[in-house]
Amino acid sequence: MCIAAPAQVVEINKEDGWLSADFGGARQQAKLDLLPDVEIGDYVLIHAGYAIEKLTEEAAKESLEAWEELLDILEEEDREMEKARKEFYENQ
């Protein structure tokens, strides 16, 4: 299963056919073959090294908010699991 999250385009090299996009501070390069009209500031989905879809700013922000919620939940689950492990080994 592959999951794509929105990334904001921060650099474009049309001559070589690639873009650089920012996802939460991490940069990723992708080929422009499928989205030749993308511009700096646009939000895109990247999959397998290609920018595959251009998103509206509203759709990107909604998706990013959902990602943040998911990551917060996973972090809380990790903390709870670590606490349970600690308690288990303390009671051994």
Protein backbone atom coordinates (compact mmCIF):
# COMPACT_ATOMS: atom_id res chain seq x y z
CA MET A 1 0.00 0.00 0.00
CA CYS A 2 1.29 3.44 -0.89
CA ILE A 3 0.25 6.65 0.78
CA ALA A 4 0.88 10.09 -0.69
CA ALA A 5 0.82 13.27 1.34
CA PRO A 6 0.72 16.81 -0.03
CA ALA A 7 4.03 18.58 -0.53
CA GLN A 8 4.51 22.22 -1.53
CA VAL A 9 6.61 22.90 -4.61
CA VAL A 10 9.64 25.03 -3.69
CA GLU A 11 11.83 24.67 -6.78
CA ILE A 12 11.28 23.78 -10.42
CA ASN A 13 13.79 22.81 -13.09
CA LYS A 14 11.74 22.62 -16.29
CA GLU A 15 14.86 22.11 -18.41
CA ASP A 16 15.68 18.83 -16.63
CA GLY A 17 12.02 18.04 -15.86
CA TRP A 18 11.99 17.89 -12.07
CA LEU A 19 10.69 19.75 -9.05
CA SER A 20 11.65 19.90 -5.42
CA ALA A 21 8.81 19.89 -2.89
CA ASP A 22 8.70 20.40 0.87
CA PHE A 23 6.84 18.01 3.15
CA GLY A 24 7.06 19.21 6.73
CA GLY A 25 10.67 20.30 6.41
CA ALA A 26 11.79 17.32 4.34
CA ARG A 27 12.50 17.95 0.67
CA GLN A 28 11.78 15.48 -2.06
CA GLN A 29 12.50 15.66 -5.76
CA ALA A 30 10.02 14.42 -8.34
CA LYS A 31 9.71 14.25 -12.11
CA LEU A 32 7.37 16.73 -13.83
CA ASP A 33 6.31 14.46 -16.71
CA LEU A 34 2.69 14.17 -15.49
CA LEU A 35 2.27 17.78 -14.33
CA PRO A 36 4.15 20.09 -16.70
CA ASP A 37 2.08 23.14 -15.66
CA VAL A 38 2.91 23.02 -11.94
CA GLU A 39 4.30 26.21 -10.38
CA ILE A 40 6.26 27.13 -7.25
CA GLY A 41 3.86 27.31 -4.32
CA ASP A 42 1.51 24.65 -5.70
CA TYR A 43 0.73 21.56 -3.66
CA VAL A 44 1.29 18.18 -5.29
CA LEU A 45 1.11 14.50 -4.47
CA ILE A 46 4.30 12.58 -5.20
CA HIS A 47 4.41 8.86 -5.84
CA ALA A 48 7.27 6.70 -7.09
CA GLY A 49 9.36 9.74 -7.95
CA TYR A 50 6.67 11.54 -9.97
CA ALA A 51 4.41 14.46 -9.13
CA ILE A 52 1.10 12.75 -9.90
CA GLU A 53 -1.57 15.25 -8.89
CA LYS A 54 -1.89 18.96 -8.26
CA LEU A 55 -4.07 19.90 -5.27
CA THR A 56 -5.90 23.06 -4.38
CA GLU A 57 -4.49 24.83 -1.34
CA GLU A 58 -7.70 24.02 0.55
CA ALA A 59 -7.51 20.30 -0.25
CA ALA A 60 -3.82 20.21 0.66
CA LYS A 61 -4.43 21.92 4.02
CA GLU A 62 -7.30 19.55 4.85
CA SER A 63 -5.09 16.58 4.02
CA LEU A 64 -2.16 17.97 6.03
CA GLU A 65 -4.44 18.51 9.04
CA ALA A 66 -5.62 14.90 8.77
CA TRP A 67 -1.96 13.75 8.60
CA GLU A 68 -1.14 15.78 11.72
CA GLU A 69 -4.07 14.21 13.58
CA LEU A 70 -2.98 10.74 12.53
CA LEU A 71 0.64 11.36 13.57
CA ASP A 72 -0.50 12.73 16.94
CA ILE A 73 -2.62 9.61 17.52
CA LEU A 74 0.27 7.32 16.57
CA GLU A 75 2.66 9.19 18.87
CA GLU A 76 0.18 8.88 21.75
CA GLU A 77 -0.20 5.15 21.07
CA ASP A 78 3.60 4.78 21.10
CA ARG A 79 3.78 6.56 24.48
CA GLU A 80 1.02 4.35 25.90
CA MET A 81 2.71 1.21 24.58
CA GLU A 82 6.06 2.25 26.07
CA LYS A 83 4.38 2.96 29.42
CA ALA A 84 2.69 -0.46 29.37
CA ARG A 85 6.00 -2.18 28.54
CA LYS A 86 7.75 -0.35 31.35
CA GLU A 87 5.05 -1.31 33.85
CA PHE A 88 5.12 -4.92 32.66
CA TYR A 89 8.89 -5.25 33.17
CA GLU A 90 8.79 -3.44 36.51
CA ASN A 91 6.26 -6.00 37.76
CA GLN A 92 8.28 -9.02 36.67
